């Protein structure tokens, strides 16, 4: 099979196709081929060895006629190559999930309370509550302001590695960046 025949076969192109049907087939093919996940997008693996696992996209790359995403899985903390067709975008957090992620961060602050000032121990949970209310009411600007304050304060007090590796902070940031308008 020559390259032209393979191309026509892959796109479903026949000699009877007119320009309009060619465009429709090409658009349909590109939608199937790429969901266009970008770096740091949160995803869930829908099939295969890592089914149900969550993570974030590190990068995507074409391999033959398919796209593969390198995904850093949350639980394993490993980078895995997963076919893009086997991924789904992580859905919007519901109110219960927002509350859980905020609670996880508050627990972290309480666990580290002996290493930080009393003022910070009091202020961070208050601002986390403000963030939760802003996310629940879908206020993007207020969510961004609270998130920025919290992440910078945590970075100052705990160090940048803890903030970068905090999954709850990552999920909350992804939520307000992608789903709030």
N, C-alpha and C. Protein backbone atom coordinates (compact mmCIF):
# COMPACT_ATOMS: atom_id res chain seq x y z
N UNK A 1 0.85 -1.17 0.00
CA UNK A 1 0.00 0.00 0.00
C UNK A 1 0.90 1.24 0.00
N UNK A 2 0.68 2.13 -0.91
CA UNK A 2 1.49 3.36 -0.96
C UNK A 2 0.95 4.37 0.06
N UNK A 3 1.71 5.40 0.28
CA UNK A 3 1.36 6.40 1.28
C UNK A 3 0.02 7.07 0.97
N UNK A 4 -0.23 7.37 -0.28
CA UNK A 4 -1.49 8.00 -0.67
C UNK A 4 -2.67 7.10 -0.36
N UNK A 5 -2.54 5.80 -0.68
CA UNK A 5 -3.61 4.85 -0.38
C UNK A 5 -3.85 4.75 1.12
N UNK A 6 -2.76 4.71 1.89
CA UNK A 6 -2.89 4.64 3.35
C UNK A 6 -3.60 5.88 3.89
N UNK A 7 -3.21 7.05 3.41
CA UNK A 7 -3.82 8.32 3.81
C UNK A 7 -5.32 8.29 3.51
N UNK A 8 -5.67 7.90 2.28
CA UNK A 8 -7.09 7.83 1.90
C UNK A 8 -7.84 6.83 2.77
N UNK A 9 -7.23 5.70 3.06
CA UNK A 9 -7.85 4.69 3.90
C UNK A 9 -8.04 5.22 5.32
N UNK A 10 -7.01 5.83 5.88
CA UNK A 10 -7.05 6.33 7.26
C UNK A 10 -8.13 7.40 7.44
N UNK A 11 -8.28 8.27 6.45
CA UNK A 11 -9.26 9.34 6.53
C UNK A 11 -10.62 8.93 5.98
N UNK A 12 -10.73 7.77 5.39
CA UNK A 12 -11.99 7.30 4.81
C UNK A 12 -12.36 8.03 3.54
N UNK A 13 -11.35 8.43 2.79
CA UNK A 13 -11.57 9.22 1.58
C UNK A 13 -11.75 8.28 0.38
N UNK A 14 -12.79 8.59 -0.40
CA UNK A 14 -13.03 7.82 -1.63
C UNK A 14 -13.01 8.77 -2.81
N UNK A 15 -13.04 8.21 -4.02
CA UNK A 15 -13.02 9.03 -5.23
C UNK A 15 -14.31 9.81 -5.41
N UNK A 16 -15.37 9.36 -4.77
CA UNK A 16 -16.67 10.01 -4.90
C UNK A 16 -16.82 11.24 -4.01
N UNK A 17 -15.89 11.49 -3.11
CA UNK A 17 -16.00 12.61 -2.18
C UNK A 17 -15.81 13.94 -2.88
N UNK A 18 -16.68 14.89 -2.50
CA UNK A 18 -16.48 16.26 -2.97
C UNK A 18 -15.74 17.04 -1.88
N UNK A 19 -15.48 18.30 -2.11
CA UNK A 19 -14.69 19.11 -1.18
C UNK A 19 -15.36 19.19 0.20
N UNK A 20 -16.67 19.38 0.22
CA UNK A 20 -17.38 19.51 1.50
C UNK A 20 -17.26 18.23 2.32
N UNK A 21 -17.47 17.09 1.69
CA UNK A 21 -17.38 15.83 2.45
C UNK A 21 -15.94 15.56 2.89
N UNK A 22 -14.95 15.99 2.09
CA UNK A 22 -13.55 15.84 2.51
C UNK A 22 -13.26 16.67 3.77
N UNK A 23 -13.73 17.88 3.77
CA UNK A 23 -13.52 18.75 4.94
C UNK A 23 -14.19 18.15 6.17
N UNK A 24 -15.40 17.67 6.03
CA UNK A 24 -16.12 17.05 7.15
C UNK A 24 -15.35 15.84 7.67
N UNK A 25 -14.87 14.99 6.77
CA UNK A 25 -14.12 13.82 7.21
C UNK A 25 -12.82 14.19 7.91
N UNK A 26 -12.13 15.19 7.40
CA UNK A 26 -10.88 15.62 8.04
C UNK A 26 -11.14 16.21 9.42
N UNK A 27 -12.19 17.01 9.55
CA UNK A 27 -12.53 17.57 10.87
C UNK A 27 -12.89 16.47 11.85
N UNK A 28 -13.71 15.52 11.39
CA UNK A 28 -14.11 14.41 12.25
C UNK A 28 -12.89 13.61 12.69
N UNK A 29 -11.99 13.37 11.76
CA UNK A 29 -10.78 12.60 12.06
C UNK A 29 -9.91 13.33 13.09
N UNK A 30 -9.75 14.64 12.95
CA UNK A 30 -8.90 15.36 13.90
C UNK A 30 -9.54 15.41 15.27
N UNK A 31 -10.87 15.44 15.37
CA UNK A 31 -11.52 15.39 16.67
C UNK A 31 -11.27 14.04 17.34
N UNK A 32 -11.32 12.98 16.55
CA UNK A 32 -11.06 11.65 17.09
C UNK A 32 -9.61 11.53 17.51
N UNK A 33 -8.73 12.10 16.73
CA UNK A 33 -7.30 11.91 16.95
C UNK A 33 -6.76 12.69 18.14
N UNK A 34 -7.29 13.85 18.42
CA UNK A 34 -6.69 14.63 19.48
C UNK A 34 -7.74 15.37 20.29
N UNK A 35 -7.72 15.14 21.58
CA UNK A 35 -8.56 15.89 22.49
C UNK A 35 -7.82 17.14 22.92
N UNK A 36 -6.59 17.25 22.45
CA UNK A 36 -5.77 18.43 22.67
C UNK A 36 -5.53 18.71 24.15
N UNK A 37 -5.13 17.68 24.88
CA UNK A 37 -4.75 17.90 26.27
C UNK A 37 -3.46 18.69 26.31
N UNK A 38 -3.41 19.64 27.19
CA UNK A 38 -2.24 20.48 27.33
C UNK A 38 -1.53 20.17 28.64
N UNK A 39 -0.32 20.63 28.74
CA UNK A 39 0.47 20.42 29.95
C UNK A 39 -0.31 20.94 31.16
N UNK A 40 -0.30 20.16 32.22
CA UNK A 40 -0.95 20.45 33.50
C UNK A 40 -2.46 20.23 33.52
N UNK A 41 -3.07 19.79 32.39
CA UNK A 41 -4.49 19.44 32.42
C UNK A 41 -4.67 18.23 33.33
N UNK A 42 -5.72 18.23 34.12
CA UNK A 42 -6.03 17.10 35.00
C UNK A 42 -6.86 16.09 34.21
N UNK A 43 -6.52 14.82 34.30
CA UNK A 43 -7.20 13.77 33.54
C UNK A 43 -7.46 12.55 34.42
N UNK A 44 -8.37 11.70 33.92
CA UNK A 44 -8.67 10.41 34.53
C UNK A 44 -8.46 9.36 33.45
N UNK A 45 -7.79 8.26 33.79
CA UNK A 45 -7.58 7.17 32.84
C UNK A 45 -8.88 6.36 32.78
N UNK A 46 -9.42 6.17 31.56
CA UNK A 46 -10.72 5.52 31.42
C UNK A 46 -10.64 4.02 31.15
N UNK A 47 -9.49 3.54 30.63
CA UNK A 47 -9.36 2.12 30.35
C UNK A 47 -7.92 1.68 30.59
N UNK A 48 -7.74 0.37 30.60
CA UNK A 48 -6.38 -0.17 30.68
C UNK A 48 -5.87 -0.39 32.09
N UNK A 49 -4.58 -0.57 32.18
CA UNK A 49 -3.88 -0.90 33.42
C UNK A 49 -4.11 0.12 34.54
N UNK A 50 -4.24 1.39 34.18
CA UNK A 50 -4.37 2.46 35.16
C UNK A 50 -5.79 3.02 35.25
N UNK A 51 -6.78 2.21 34.85
CA UNK A 51 -8.18 2.66 34.83
C UNK A 51 -8.58 3.26 36.18
N UNK A 52 -9.19 4.44 36.11
CA UNK A 52 -9.68 5.11 37.32
C UNK A 52 -8.65 5.98 38.02
N UNK A 53 -7.40 5.89 37.60
CA UNK A 53 -6.33 6.69 38.21
C UNK A 53 -6.41 8.11 37.67
N UNK A 54 -6.02 9.05 38.52
CA UNK A 54 -6.04 10.46 38.15
C UNK A 54 -4.62 10.98 38.09
N UNK A 55 -4.45 12.04 37.31
CA UNK A 55 -3.14 12.64 37.21
C UNK A 55 -3.17 13.90 36.38
N UNK A 56 -1.98 14.40 36.06
CA UNK A 56 -1.91 15.59 35.22
C UNK A 56 -1.01 15.31 34.03
N UNK A 57 -1.35 15.94 32.91
CA UNK A 57 -0.60 15.76 31.68
C UNK A 57 0.72 16.50 31.78
N UNK A 58 1.80 15.77 31.49
CA UNK A 58 3.13 16.36 31.46
C UNK A 58 3.41 16.89 30.05
N UNK A 59 3.06 16.08 29.07
CA UNK A 59 3.20 16.47 27.66
C UNK A 59 2.44 15.45 26.81
N UNK A 60 2.18 15.82 25.56
CA UNK A 60 1.58 14.86 24.64
C UNK A 60 2.43 14.82 23.38
N UNK A 61 2.37 13.69 22.70
CA UNK A 61 3.19 13.53 21.51
C UNK A 61 2.51 12.55 20.56
N UNK A 62 2.70 12.75 19.26
CA UNK A 62 2.11 11.82 18.30
C UNK A 62 3.00 10.58 18.15
N UNK A 63 2.36 9.43 18.07
CA UNK A 63 3.06 8.19 17.76
C UNK A 63 2.23 7.52 16.67
N UNK A 64 2.79 7.48 15.49
CA UNK A 64 2.10 7.00 14.29
C UNK A 64 0.80 7.79 14.11
N UNK A 65 -0.33 7.13 14.11
CA UNK A 65 -1.59 7.85 13.87
C UNK A 65 -2.35 8.11 15.16
N UNK A 66 -1.66 8.01 16.32
CA UNK A 66 -2.32 8.22 17.61
C UNK A 66 -1.54 9.23 18.43
N UNK A 67 -2.22 9.84 19.38
CA UNK A 67 -1.57 10.74 20.32
C UNK A 67 -1.40 10.02 21.65
N UNK A 68 -0.25 10.21 22.23
CA UNK A 68 0.05 9.63 23.54
C UNK A 68 0.35 10.77 24.49
N UNK A 69 -0.20 10.68 25.69
CA UNK A 69 0.08 11.68 26.71
C UNK A 69 0.95 11.04 27.78
N UNK A 70 1.95 11.77 28.19
CA UNK A 70 2.73 11.37 29.36
C UNK A 70 1.99 11.99 30.54
N UNK A 71 1.49 11.12 31.42
CA UNK A 71 0.67 11.55 32.55
C UNK A 71 1.38 11.21 33.85
N UNK A 72 1.49 12.20 34.73
CA UNK A 72 2.05 11.98 36.06
C UNK A 72 0.87 11.56 36.93
N UNK A 73 0.82 10.28 37.27
CA UNK A 73 -0.28 9.75 38.06
C UNK A 73 -0.13 10.18 39.52
N UNK A 74 -1.25 10.57 40.12
CA UNK A 74 -1.23 11.10 41.49
C UNK A 74 -0.72 10.08 42.51
N UNK A 75 -1.33 8.91 42.54
CA UNK A 75 -1.02 7.93 43.57
C UNK A 75 0.37 7.30 43.41
N UNK A 76 0.74 6.98 42.19
CA UNK A 76 2.04 6.35 41.96
C UNK A 76 3.17 7.36 41.92
N UNK A 77 2.86 8.63 41.65
CA UNK A 77 3.86 9.67 41.47
C UNK A 77 4.87 9.26 40.40
N UNK A 78 4.33 8.63 39.33
CA UNK A 78 5.17 8.20 38.22
C UNK A 78 4.63 8.78 36.93
N UNK A 79 5.48 8.88 35.92
CA UNK A 79 5.07 9.32 34.60
C UNK A 79 4.79 8.08 33.75
N UNK A 80 3.58 8.03 33.19
CA UNK A 80 3.18 6.90 32.36
C UNK A 80 2.71 7.40 31.01
N UNK A 81 3.05 6.68 29.94
CA UNK A 81 2.56 7.00 28.61
C UNK A 81 1.21 6.32 28.42
N UNK A 82 0.19 7.12 28.14
CA UNK A 82 -1.17 6.60 28.00
C UNK A 82 -1.77 7.19 26.72
N UNK A 83 -2.41 6.32 25.95
CA UNK A 83 -3.06 6.79 24.72
C UNK A 83 -4.09 7.86 25.08
N UNK A 84 -4.10 8.92 24.30
CA UNK A 84 -5.01 10.02 24.57
C UNK A 84 -6.47 9.56 24.54
N UNK A 85 -6.77 8.59 23.69
CA UNK A 85 -8.15 8.10 23.61
C UNK A 85 -8.58 7.38 24.90
N UNK A 86 -7.62 7.01 25.73
CA UNK A 86 -7.92 6.33 27.00
C UNK A 86 -8.01 7.31 28.17
N UNK A 87 -8.04 8.60 27.87
CA UNK A 87 -8.10 9.62 28.92
C UNK A 87 -9.39 10.41 28.83
N UNK A 88 -9.86 10.89 29.96
CA UNK A 88 -10.99 11.80 30.03
C UNK A 88 -10.56 12.99 30.87
N UNK A 89 -11.08 14.14 30.55
CA UNK A 89 -10.79 15.32 31.36
C UNK A 89 -11.40 15.14 32.74
N UNK A 90 -10.65 15.54 33.76
CA UNK A 90 -11.18 15.47 35.11
C UNK A 90 -12.34 16.44 35.22
N UNK A 91 -13.46 15.96 35.71
CA UNK A 91 -14.67 16.77 35.77
C UNK A 91 -14.55 17.90 36.78
N UNK A 92 -15.49 18.78 36.71
CA UNK A 92 -15.58 19.87 37.67
C UNK A 92 -15.75 19.28 39.07
N UNK A 93 -15.08 19.89 40.04
CA UNK A 93 -15.24 19.45 41.42
C UNK A 93 -16.64 19.79 41.91
N UNK A 94 -17.27 18.86 42.62
CA UNK A 94 -18.56 19.20 43.22
C UNK A 94 -18.31 19.79 44.61
N UNK A 95 -19.35 20.23 45.28
CA UNK A 95 -19.20 20.90 46.57
C UNK A 95 -18.53 20.01 47.61
N UNK A 96 -18.85 18.73 47.58
CA UNK A 96 -18.25 17.78 48.52
C UNK A 96 -16.74 17.65 48.28
N UNK A 97 -16.35 17.58 47.01
CA UNK A 97 -14.92 17.44 46.68
C UNK A 97 -14.14 18.71 47.04
N UNK A 98 -14.75 19.87 46.81
CA UNK A 98 -14.10 21.12 47.21
C UNK A 98 -13.87 21.11 48.72
N UNK A 99 -14.87 20.73 49.46
CA UNK A 99 -14.77 20.67 50.92
C UNK A 99 -13.68 19.69 51.37
N UNK A 100 -13.61 18.55 50.70
CA UNK A 100 -12.59 17.54 51.04
C UNK A 100 -11.19 18.08 50.80
N UNK A 101 -10.97 18.73 49.67
CA UNK A 101 -9.64 19.27 49.35
C UNK A 101 -9.25 20.38 50.33
N UNK A 102 -10.20 21.24 50.68
CA UNK A 102 -9.93 22.30 51.66
C UNK A 102 -9.59 21.68 53.02
N UNK A 103 -10.34 20.66 53.42
CA UNK A 103 -10.08 19.97 54.68
C UNK A 103 -8.69 19.34 54.69
N UNK A 104 -8.29 18.76 53.56
CA UNK A 104 -6.95 18.16 53.46
C UNK A 104 -5.86 19.20 53.70
N UNK A 105 -6.03 20.39 53.16
CA UNK A 105 -5.03 21.45 53.35
C UNK A 105 -5.04 21.95 54.79
N UNK A 106 -6.23 22.08 55.37
CA UNK A 106 -6.32 22.51 56.77
C UNK A 106 -5.63 21.51 57.69
N UNK A 107 -5.79 20.22 57.40
CA UNK A 107 -5.12 19.18 58.20
C UNK A 107 -3.60 19.32 58.09
N UNK A 108 -3.12 19.59 56.90
CA UNK A 108 -1.69 19.79 56.70
C UNK A 108 -1.18 20.96 57.53
N UNK A 109 -1.91 22.06 57.52
CA UNK A 109 -1.53 23.23 58.31
C UNK A 109 -1.49 22.87 59.80
N UNK A 110 -2.49 22.14 60.26
CA UNK A 110 -2.52 21.73 61.68
C UNK A 110 -1.38 20.78 62.04
N UNK A 111 -1.04 19.88 61.10
CA UNK A 111 0.08 18.95 61.35
C UNK A 111 1.40 19.69 61.48
N UNK A 112 1.55 20.77 60.73
CA UNK A 112 2.81 21.53 60.73
C UNK A 112 2.74 22.74 61.68
N UNK A 113 1.69 22.84 62.48
CA UNK A 113 1.46 24.02 63.32
C UNK A 113 2.62 24.32 64.27
N UNK A 114 3.29 23.28 64.76
CA UNK A 114 4.38 23.51 65.71
C UNK A 114 5.59 24.19 65.05
N UNK A 115 5.65 24.17 63.72
CA UNK A 115 6.79 24.74 63.00
C UNK A 115 6.52 26.15 62.48
N UNK A 116 5.29 26.65 62.64
CA UNK A 116 4.95 27.96 62.10
C UNK A 116 4.33 28.84 63.18
N UNK A 117 4.24 30.12 62.91
CA UNK A 117 3.72 31.07 63.92
C UNK A 117 2.22 30.87 64.13
N UNK A 118 1.76 31.29 65.32
CA UNK A 118 0.34 31.19 65.66
C UNK A 118 -0.53 32.01 64.71
N UNK A 119 0.00 33.15 64.26
CA UNK A 119 -0.73 34.01 63.34
C UNK A 119 -1.04 33.27 62.04
N UNK A 120 -0.04 32.58 61.50
CA UNK A 120 -0.22 31.84 60.25
C UNK A 120 -1.16 30.65 60.47
N UNK A 121 -1.04 29.99 61.62
CA UNK A 121 -1.91 28.85 61.93
C UNK A 121 -3.37 29.30 61.96
N UNK A 122 -3.61 30.53 62.37
CA UNK A 122 -4.97 31.06 62.42
C UNK A 122 -5.42 31.58 61.05
N UNK A 123 -4.53 32.30 60.34
CA UNK A 123 -4.91 32.94 59.08
C UNK A 123 -5.14 31.96 57.93
N UNK A 124 -4.29 30.97 57.79
CA UNK A 124 -4.44 30.04 56.65
C UNK A 124 -5.79 29.34 56.64
N UNK A 125 -6.25 28.76 57.76
CA UNK A 125 -7.58 28.13 57.72
C UNK A 125 -8.70 29.13 57.40
N UNK A 126 -8.57 30.37 57.88
CA UNK A 126 -9.58 31.39 57.56
C UNK A 126 -9.61 31.64 56.05
N UNK A 127 -8.44 31.80 55.46
CA UNK A 127 -8.39 32.06 54.02
C UNK A 127 -8.81 30.83 53.21
N UNK A 128 -8.55 29.66 53.73
CA UNK A 128 -9.04 28.44 53.07
C UNK A 128 -10.56 28.40 53.07
N UNK A 129 -11.17 28.85 54.16
CA UNK A 129 -12.63 28.94 54.21
C UNK A 129 -13.14 29.97 53.20
N UNK A 130 -12.44 31.11 53.09
CA UNK A 130 -12.82 32.12 52.09
C UNK A 130 -12.70 31.53 50.67
N UNK A 131 -11.64 30.78 50.43
CA UNK A 131 -11.45 30.14 49.13
C UNK A 131 -12.58 29.17 48.84
N UNK A 132 -12.95 28.38 49.83
CA UNK A 132 -14.03 27.42 49.65
C UNK A 132 -15.33 28.14 49.28
N UNK A 133 -15.63 29.21 49.98
CA UNK A 133 -16.86 29.96 49.69
C UNK A 133 -16.81 30.57 48.29
N UNK A 134 -15.65 31.09 47.90
CA UNK A 134 -15.51 31.68 46.56
C UNK A 134 -15.67 30.62 45.47
N UNK A 135 -15.10 29.43 45.69
CA UNK A 135 -15.23 28.35 44.71
C UNK A 135 -16.68 27.88 44.62
N UNK A 136 -17.32 27.75 45.77
CA UNK A 136 -18.71 27.27 45.78
C UNK A 136 -19.65 28.27 45.11
N UNK A 137 -19.34 29.56 45.23
CA UNK A 137 -20.19 30.57 44.60
C UNK A 137 -19.71 30.90 43.18
N UNK A 138 -18.67 30.20 42.73
CA UNK A 138 -18.13 30.31 41.37
C UNK A 138 -17.60 31.72 41.06
N UNK A 139 -16.99 32.34 42.05
CA UNK A 139 -16.39 33.66 41.87
C UNK A 139 -14.92 33.48 41.50
N UNK A 140 -14.62 33.61 40.22
CA UNK A 140 -13.26 33.33 39.73
C UNK A 140 -12.22 34.29 40.30
N UNK A 141 -12.47 35.57 40.27
CA UNK A 141 -11.49 36.54 40.73
C UNK A 141 -11.19 36.36 42.22
N UNK A 142 -12.24 36.20 43.01
CA UNK A 142 -12.05 36.00 44.45
C UNK A 142 -11.33 34.67 44.71
N UNK A 143 -11.66 33.63 43.95
CA UNK A 143 -10.98 32.33 44.08
C UNK A 143 -9.50 32.47 43.77
N UNK A 144 -9.21 33.18 42.70
CA UNK A 144 -7.82 33.38 42.29
C UNK A 144 -7.04 34.16 43.36
N UNK A 145 -7.65 35.21 43.89
CA UNK A 145 -6.99 36.01 44.93
C UNK A 145 -6.70 35.18 46.17
N UNK A 146 -7.69 34.43 46.63
CA UNK A 146 -7.50 33.61 47.83
C UNK A 146 -6.47 32.50 47.58
N UNK A 147 -6.58 31.87 46.42
CA UNK A 147 -5.63 30.80 46.10
C UNK A 147 -4.20 31.36 46.06
N UNK A 148 -4.03 32.50 45.44
CA UNK A 148 -2.70 33.10 45.33
C UNK A 148 -2.15 33.42 46.72
N UNK A 149 -2.98 34.00 47.57
CA UNK A 149 -2.53 34.32 48.93
C UNK A 149 -2.12 33.04 49.67
N UNK A 150 -2.98 32.04 49.62
CA UNK A 150 -2.74 30.78 50.34
C UNK A 150 -1.47 30.10 49.83
N UNK A 151 -1.34 29.98 48.52
CA UNK A 151 -0.17 29.27 47.97
C UNK A 151 1.12 30.01 48.28
N UNK A 152 1.10 31.34 48.20
CA UNK A 152 2.32 32.11 48.50
C UNK A 152 2.66 32.03 49.98
N UNK A 153 1.66 32.10 50.83
CA UNK A 153 1.90 32.02 52.27
C UNK A 153 2.41 30.62 52.65
N UNK A 154 1.82 29.60 52.06
CA UNK A 154 2.28 28.23 52.33
C UNK A 154 3.70 28.03 51.82
N UNK A 155 3.99 28.59 50.65
CA UNK A 155 5.34 28.48 50.10
C UNK A 155 6.36 29.18 51.01
N UNK A 156 5.98 30.34 51.51
CA UNK A 156 6.86 31.09 52.41
C UNK A 156 7.12 30.31 53.70
N UNK A 157 6.07 29.72 54.24
CA UNK A 157 6.17 29.05 55.54
C UNK A 157 6.71 27.63 55.43
N UNK A 158 6.22 26.87 54.45
CA UNK A 158 6.56 25.46 54.35
C UNK A 158 7.64 25.15 53.32
N UNK A 159 7.84 26.04 52.37
CA UNK A 159 8.79 25.78 51.29
C UNK A 159 8.06 25.43 50.00
N UNK A 160 8.73 25.67 48.90
CA UNK A 160 8.09 25.49 47.60
C UNK A 160 7.81 24.03 47.25
N UNK A 161 8.62 23.11 47.72
CA UNK A 161 8.40 21.69 47.38
C UNK A 161 7.07 21.20 47.91
N UNK A 162 6.73 21.57 49.12
CA UNK A 162 5.47 21.12 49.71
C UNK A 162 4.28 21.67 48.92
N UNK A 163 4.36 22.92 48.52
CA UNK A 163 3.27 23.54 47.76
C UNK A 163 3.16 22.91 46.38
N UNK A 164 4.28 22.68 45.71
CA UNK A 164 4.25 22.09 44.38
C UNK A 164 3.71 20.67 44.39
N UNK A 165 3.96 19.94 45.46
CA UNK A 165 3.53 18.54 45.52
C UNK A 165 2.16 18.36 46.17
N UNK A 166 1.54 19.46 46.63
CA UNK A 166 0.26 19.33 47.31
C UNK A 166 -0.86 19.13 46.29
N UNK A 167 -1.40 17.94 46.27
CA UNK A 167 -2.42 17.56 45.29
C UNK A 167 -3.71 18.33 45.48
N UNK A 168 -4.08 18.61 46.72
CA UNK A 168 -5.32 19.35 46.97
C UNK A 168 -5.23 20.76 46.39
N UNK A 169 -4.11 21.43 46.60
CA UNK A 169 -3.92 22.76 46.01
C UNK A 169 -3.98 22.70 44.49
N UNK A 170 -3.36 21.68 43.93
CA UNK A 170 -3.34 21.52 42.47
C UNK A 170 -4.76 21.35 41.93
N UNK A 171 -5.57 20.53 42.58
CA UNK A 171 -6.94 20.30 42.11
C UNK A 171 -7.78 21.58 42.21
N UNK A 172 -7.62 22.32 43.31
CA UNK A 172 -8.38 23.56 43.47
C UNK A 172 -7.98 24.59 42.41
N UNK A 173 -6.68 24.68 42.16
CA UNK A 173 -6.20 25.62 41.13
C UNK A 173 -6.75 25.23 39.77
N UNK A 174 -6.68 23.95 39.44
CA UNK A 174 -7.19 23.48 38.15
C UNK A 174 -8.68 23.83 38.01
N UNK A 175 -9.41 23.68 39.08
CA UNK A 175 -10.85 23.96 39.06
C UNK A 175 -11.13 25.42 38.73
N UNK A 176 -10.50 26.35 39.47
CA UNK A 176 -10.83 27.76 39.19
C UNK A 176 -10.25 28.24 37.87
N UNK A 177 -9.11 27.68 37.45
CA UNK A 177 -8.54 28.09 36.16
C UNK A 177 -9.38 27.61 34.97
N UNK A 178 -9.84 26.37 35.04
CA UNK A 178 -10.50 25.76 33.87
C UNK A 178 -12.02 25.94 33.85
N UNK A 179 -12.66 25.99 35.02
CA UNK A 179 -14.11 25.89 35.01
C UNK A 179 -14.86 27.12 35.49
N UNK A 180 -14.15 28.07 36.08
CA UNK A 180 -14.84 29.28 36.51
C UNK A 180 -14.63 30.37 35.46
N UNK A 181 -15.66 31.11 35.21
CA UNK A 181 -15.59 32.16 34.18
C UNK A 181 -15.74 33.53 34.82
